[in-house]
Every structure is written in structure tokens, then in C-alpha cells.
Amino acid sequence: MSNVKKINSIGYAHKIIGLALLFLAAVPALCYLLSQIFPAALFIRLIYISLGIGVLISLFFAGLLAIELRQDRKINREYANVKKQKLTLGNGKFECQSCGNRQVNGDDNRCCVCGTTFSV
């Protein structure tokens, strides 16, 4: 895989979604209520500006998710190409990349846990 940093939305997705909801729902609702109390065209403009910002944040988040899904698909393809190989651990032991069994010997053709046949 390339040296590009892996995007993982687990740590920040809720923050971006919350920010988008703030601009798509909370701020427009507040501006609408204020426009009912104080008749001013400014509040209507603020609603449109807030909705625009919310849409931009949502599009940014959708782009990040698209990049993350593409990276995940690439990692899965690379893993599928090597999961039938033994990973060298040292001391004559290997790891089955299919199930994680770390008690595979160098002369084993199959994993005793999952039954994966190792390719050479």
C-alpha cells in the first residue's frame, strides 16, 4: 500500500455529524424562532447561510467516507492476496494470516485451527 495515511472516521465522525446537524437543524430552527419574535430579514438570511454551511460540511464528510471506503477496499484486496501465506514470527514459528494461529511450523501445509492450505 502507498504511504498515504489511512483515514479512519471512528474518532471524528460523530463530531462532524454533530457539526453538520448544528448548521442544518439547530441554527436554522433558532433563527426561525427569532424571526417570528423579531421581524427582521437578517434571520432568514442566516437560515440560508447556515443551511449552506451544513451542506458543505455534509459533502466534506461524504468525501472523507468515500476515501475511507476506497482505502478499506484496497487493504482488503491486498490482504486477500496474502491470507494463504504463513507470516514468519521467528524461532521457527509462523502465523496463519487467515485465523491468527501462532503455532504453525515451517513444514506445515495447513493450519490446524482453520484448515487453510498455505501457498508457497
C-alpha atoms as a PDB file:
ATOM      1  CA  MET A   1       0.000   0.000   0.000  1.00  0.00           C
ATOM      2  CA  SER A   2       1.129   3.539  -0.576  1.00  0.00           C
ATOM      3  CA  ASN A   3       2.465   5.806   2.175  1.00  0.00           C
ATOM      4  CA  VAL A   4      -0.816   7.722   2.419  1.00  0.00           C
ATOM      5  CA  LYS A   5      -2.188   7.986   5.966  1.00  0.00           C
ATOM      6  CA  LYS A   6      -5.171   5.705   6.487  1.00  0.00           C
ATOM      7  CA  ILE A   7      -8.361   7.638   7.109  1.00  0.00           C
ATOM      8  CA  ASN A   8     -10.435   6.182   9.942  1.00  0.00           C
ATOM      9  CA  SER A   9     -13.636   8.020  10.823  1.00  0.00           C
ATOM     10  CA  ILE A  10     -14.166   6.253  14.156  1.00  0.00           C
ATOM     11  CA  GLY A  11     -12.506   9.062  16.108  1.00  0.00           C
ATOM     12  CA  TYR A  12     -14.121  12.078  14.475  1.00  0.00           C
ATOM     13  CA  ALA A  13     -17.289  11.065  12.595  1.00  0.00           C
ATOM     14  CA  HIS A  14     -19.632  11.917  15.452  1.00  0.00           C
ATOM     15  CA  LYS A  15     -18.105  15.394  15.722  1.00  0.00           C
ATOM     16  CA  ILE A  16     -18.575  16.140  12.015  1.00  0.00           C
ATOM     17  CA  ILE A  17     -22.133  14.783  12.034  1.00  0.00           C
ATOM     18  CA  GLY A  18     -22.921  16.882  15.108  1.00  0.00           C
ATOM     19  CA  LEU A  19     -21.488  19.990  13.472  1.00  0.00           C
ATOM     20  CA  ALA A  20     -23.496  19.339  10.307  1.00  0.00           C
ATOM     21  CA  LEU A  21     -26.686  18.877  12.349  1.00  0.00           C
ATOM     22  CA  LEU A  22     -25.954  22.084  14.211  1.00  0.00           C
ATOM     23  CA  PHE A  23     -25.857  24.051  10.944  1.00  0.00           C
ATOM     24  CA  LEU A  24     -28.622  22.058   9.224  1.00  0.00           C
ATOM     25  CA  ALA A  25     -31.152  21.979  12.067  1.00  0.00           C
ATOM     26  CA  ALA A  26     -30.328  23.820  15.310  1.00  0.00           C
ATOM     27  CA  VAL A  27     -29.177  27.172  13.937  1.00  0.00           C
ATOM     28  CA  PRO A  28     -31.980  27.395  11.315  1.00  0.00           C
ATOM     29  CA  ALA A  29     -34.588  26.467  13.941  1.00  0.00           C
ATOM     30  CA  LEU A  30     -33.259  29.124  16.310  1.00  0.00           C
ATOM     31  CA  CYS A  31     -33.178  31.733  13.538  1.00  0.00           C
ATOM     32  CA  TYR A  32     -36.739  30.832  12.543  1.00  0.00           C
ATOM     33  CA  LEU A  33     -37.953  31.269  16.102  1.00  0.00           C
ATOM     34  CA  LEU A  34     -36.121  34.586  16.380  1.00  0.00           C
ATOM     35  CA  SER A  35     -37.633  35.721  13.060  1.00  0.00           C
ATOM     36  CA  GLN A  36     -41.101  35.041  14.481  1.00  0.00           C
ATOM     37  CA  ILE A  37     -40.336  37.146  17.564  1.00  0.00           C
ATOM     38  CA  PHE A  38     -38.296  39.909  15.904  1.00  0.00           C
ATOM     39  CA  PRO A  39     -39.356  40.544  12.326  1.00  0.00           C
ATOM     40  CA  ALA A  40     -36.061  41.039  10.517  1.00  0.00           C
ATOM     41  CA  ALA A  41     -34.835  39.761   7.173  1.00  0.00           C
ATOM     42  CA  LEU A  42     -31.448  39.075   8.742  1.00  0.00           C
ATOM     43  CA  PHE A  43     -32.713  35.889  10.383  1.00  0.00           C
ATOM     44  CA  ILE A  44     -33.955  34.492   7.066  1.00  0.00           C
ATOM     45  CA  ARG A  45     -30.538  35.152   5.503  1.00  0.00           C
ATOM     46  CA  LEU A  46     -28.860  33.454   8.460  1.00  0.00           C
ATOM     47  CA  ILE A  47     -31.064  30.393   7.879  1.00  0.00           C
ATOM     48  CA  TYR A  48     -29.862  30.122   4.263  1.00  0.00           C
ATOM     49  CA  ILE A  49     -26.237  30.726   5.227  1.00  0.00           C
ATOM     50  CA  SER A  50     -26.445  28.093   7.965  1.00  0.00           C
ATOM     51  CA  LEU A  51     -28.042  25.569   5.606  1.00  0.00           C
ATOM     52  CA  GLY A  52     -25.301  26.231   3.050  1.00  0.00           C
ATOM     53  CA  ILE A  53     -22.580  25.676   5.641  1.00  0.00           C
ATOM     54  CA  GLY A  54     -24.322  22.482   6.784  1.00  0.00           C
ATOM     55  CA  VAL A  55     -24.493  21.159   3.226  1.00  0.00           C
ATOM     56  CA  LEU A  56     -20.794  21.921   2.689  1.00  0.00           C
ATOM     57  CA  ILE A  57     -19.865  20.105   5.909  1.00  0.00           C
ATOM     58  CA  SER A  58     -22.012  17.134   4.866  1.00  0.00           C
ATOM     59  CA  LEU A  59     -20.362  17.000   1.430  1.00  0.00           C
ATOM     60  CA  PHE A  60     -16.916  17.145   3.049  1.00  0.00           C
ATOM     61  CA  PHE A  61     -17.863  14.261   5.335  1.00  0.00           C
ATOM     62  CA  ALA A  62     -19.237  12.239   2.414  1.00  0.00           C
ATOM     63  CA  GLY A  63     -15.922  12.776   0.603  1.00  0.00           C
ATOM     64  CA  LEU A  64     -13.950  11.561   3.622  1.00  0.00           C
ATOM     65  CA  LEU A  65     -16.149   8.475   3.857  1.00  0.00           C
ATOM     66  CA  ALA A  66     -15.679   7.758   0.155  1.00  0.00           C
ATOM     67  CA  ILE A  67     -11.901   7.954   0.558  1.00  0.00           C
ATOM     68  CA  GLU A  68     -12.032   5.725   3.653  1.00  0.00           C
ATOM     69  CA  LEU A  69     -14.145   3.095   1.878  1.00  0.00           C
ATOM     70  CA  ARG A  70     -11.781   3.104  -1.109  1.00  0.00           C
ATOM     71  CA  GLN A  71      -8.794   2.627   1.220  1.00  0.00           C
ATOM     72  CA  ASP A  72     -10.567  -0.211   3.032  1.00  0.00           C
ATOM     73  CA  ARG A  73     -11.359  -1.931  -0.277  1.00  0.00           C
ATOM     74  CA  LYS A  74      -7.700  -1.670  -1.312  1.00  0.00           C
ATOM     75  CA  ILE A  75      -6.500  -3.073   2.034  1.00  0.00           C
ATOM     76  CA  ASN A  76      -8.985  -5.956   1.756  1.00  0.00           C
ATOM     77  CA  ARG A  77      -7.732  -6.793  -1.745  1.00  0.00           C
ATOM     78  CA  GLU A  78      -4.108  -6.772  -0.565  1.00  0.00           C
ATOM     79  CA  TYR A  79      -4.982  -8.943   2.428  1.00  0.00           C
ATOM     80  CA  ALA A  80      -6.884 -11.427   0.247  1.00  0.00           C
ATOM     81  CA  ASN A  81      -3.713 -11.891  -1.815  1.00  0.00           C
ATOM     82  CA  VAL A  82      -1.592 -12.909   1.209  1.00  0.00           C
ATOM     83  CA  LYS A  83      -4.008 -14.603   3.624  1.00  0.00           C
ATOM     84  CA  LYS A  84      -2.979 -18.082   2.427  1.00  0.00           C
ATOM     85  CA  GLN A  85       0.662 -17.440   3.293  1.00  0.00           C
ATOM     86  CA  LYS A  86       2.453 -18.019   6.580  1.00  0.00           C
ATOM     87  CA  LEU A  87       3.852 -14.996   8.361  1.00  0.00           C
ATOM     88  CA  THR A  88       7.312 -15.552   9.868  1.00  0.00           C
ATOM     89  CA  LEU A  89       7.446 -14.887  13.622  1.00  0.00           C
ATOM     90  CA  GLY A  90      10.931 -16.199  14.415  1.00  0.00           C
ATOM     91  CA  ASN A  91      12.104 -19.216  16.428  1.00  0.00           C
ATOM     92  CA  GLY A  92      10.845 -21.469  13.625  1.00  0.00           C
ATOM     93  CA  LYS A  93       7.220 -20.450  14.235  1.00  0.00           C
ATOM     94  CA  PHE A  94       4.792 -18.904  11.799  1.00  0.00           C
ATOM     95  CA  GLU A  95       1.371 -17.277  11.992  1.00  0.00           C
ATOM     96  CA  CYS A  96      -1.648 -18.226   9.913  1.00  0.00           C
ATOM     97  CA  GLN A  97      -2.865 -14.950   8.410  1.00  0.00           C
ATOM     98  CA  SER A  98      -6.337 -16.362   7.961  1.00  0.00           C
ATOM     99  CA  CYS A  99      -7.129 -17.061  11.636  1.00  0.00           C
ATOM    100  CA  GLY A 100      -4.136 -15.742  13.617  1.00  0.00           C
ATOM    101  CA  ASN A 101      -2.907 -19.120  14.888  1.00  0.00           C
ATOM    102  CA  ARG A 102       0.701 -18.539  16.011  1.00  0.00           C
ATOM    103  CA  GLN A 103       1.636 -22.200  16.444  1.00  0.00           C
ATOM    104  CA  VAL A 104       2.266 -23.010  12.777  1.00  0.00           C
ATOM    105  CA  ASN A 105       5.537 -24.758  11.993  1.00  0.00           C
ATOM    106  CA  GLY A 106       7.640 -24.117   8.911  1.00  0.00           C
ATOM    107  CA  ASP A 107       6.865 -27.512   7.380  1.00  0.00           C
ATOM    108  CA  ASP A 108       3.078 -27.357   7.962  1.00  0.00           C
ATOM    109  CA  ASN A 109       0.993 -27.314   4.778  1.00  0.00           C
ATOM    110  CA  ARG A 110      -2.259 -26.495   6.591  1.00  0.00           C
ATOM    111  CA  CYS A 111      -3.341 -24.567   9.655  1.00  0.00           C
ATOM    112  CA  CYS A 112      -4.519 -26.951  12.377  1.00  0.00           C
ATOM    113  CA  VAL A 113      -7.088 -24.391  13.617  1.00  0.00           C
ATOM    114  CA  CYS A 114      -8.869 -23.146  10.495  1.00  0.00           C
ATOM    115  CA  GLY A 115      -7.685 -25.615   7.865  1.00  0.00           C
ATOM    116  CA  THR A 116      -6.278 -23.025   5.482  1.00  0.00           C
ATOM    117  CA  THR A 117      -3.936 -24.610   2.949  1.00  0.00           C
ATOM    118  CA  PHE A 118      -0.793 -22.500   2.682  1.00  0.00           C
ATOM    119  CA  SER A 119       0.526 -21.497  -0.717  1.00  0.00           C
ATOM    120  CA  VAL A 120       4.238 -21.357  -1.320  1.00  0.00           C
END
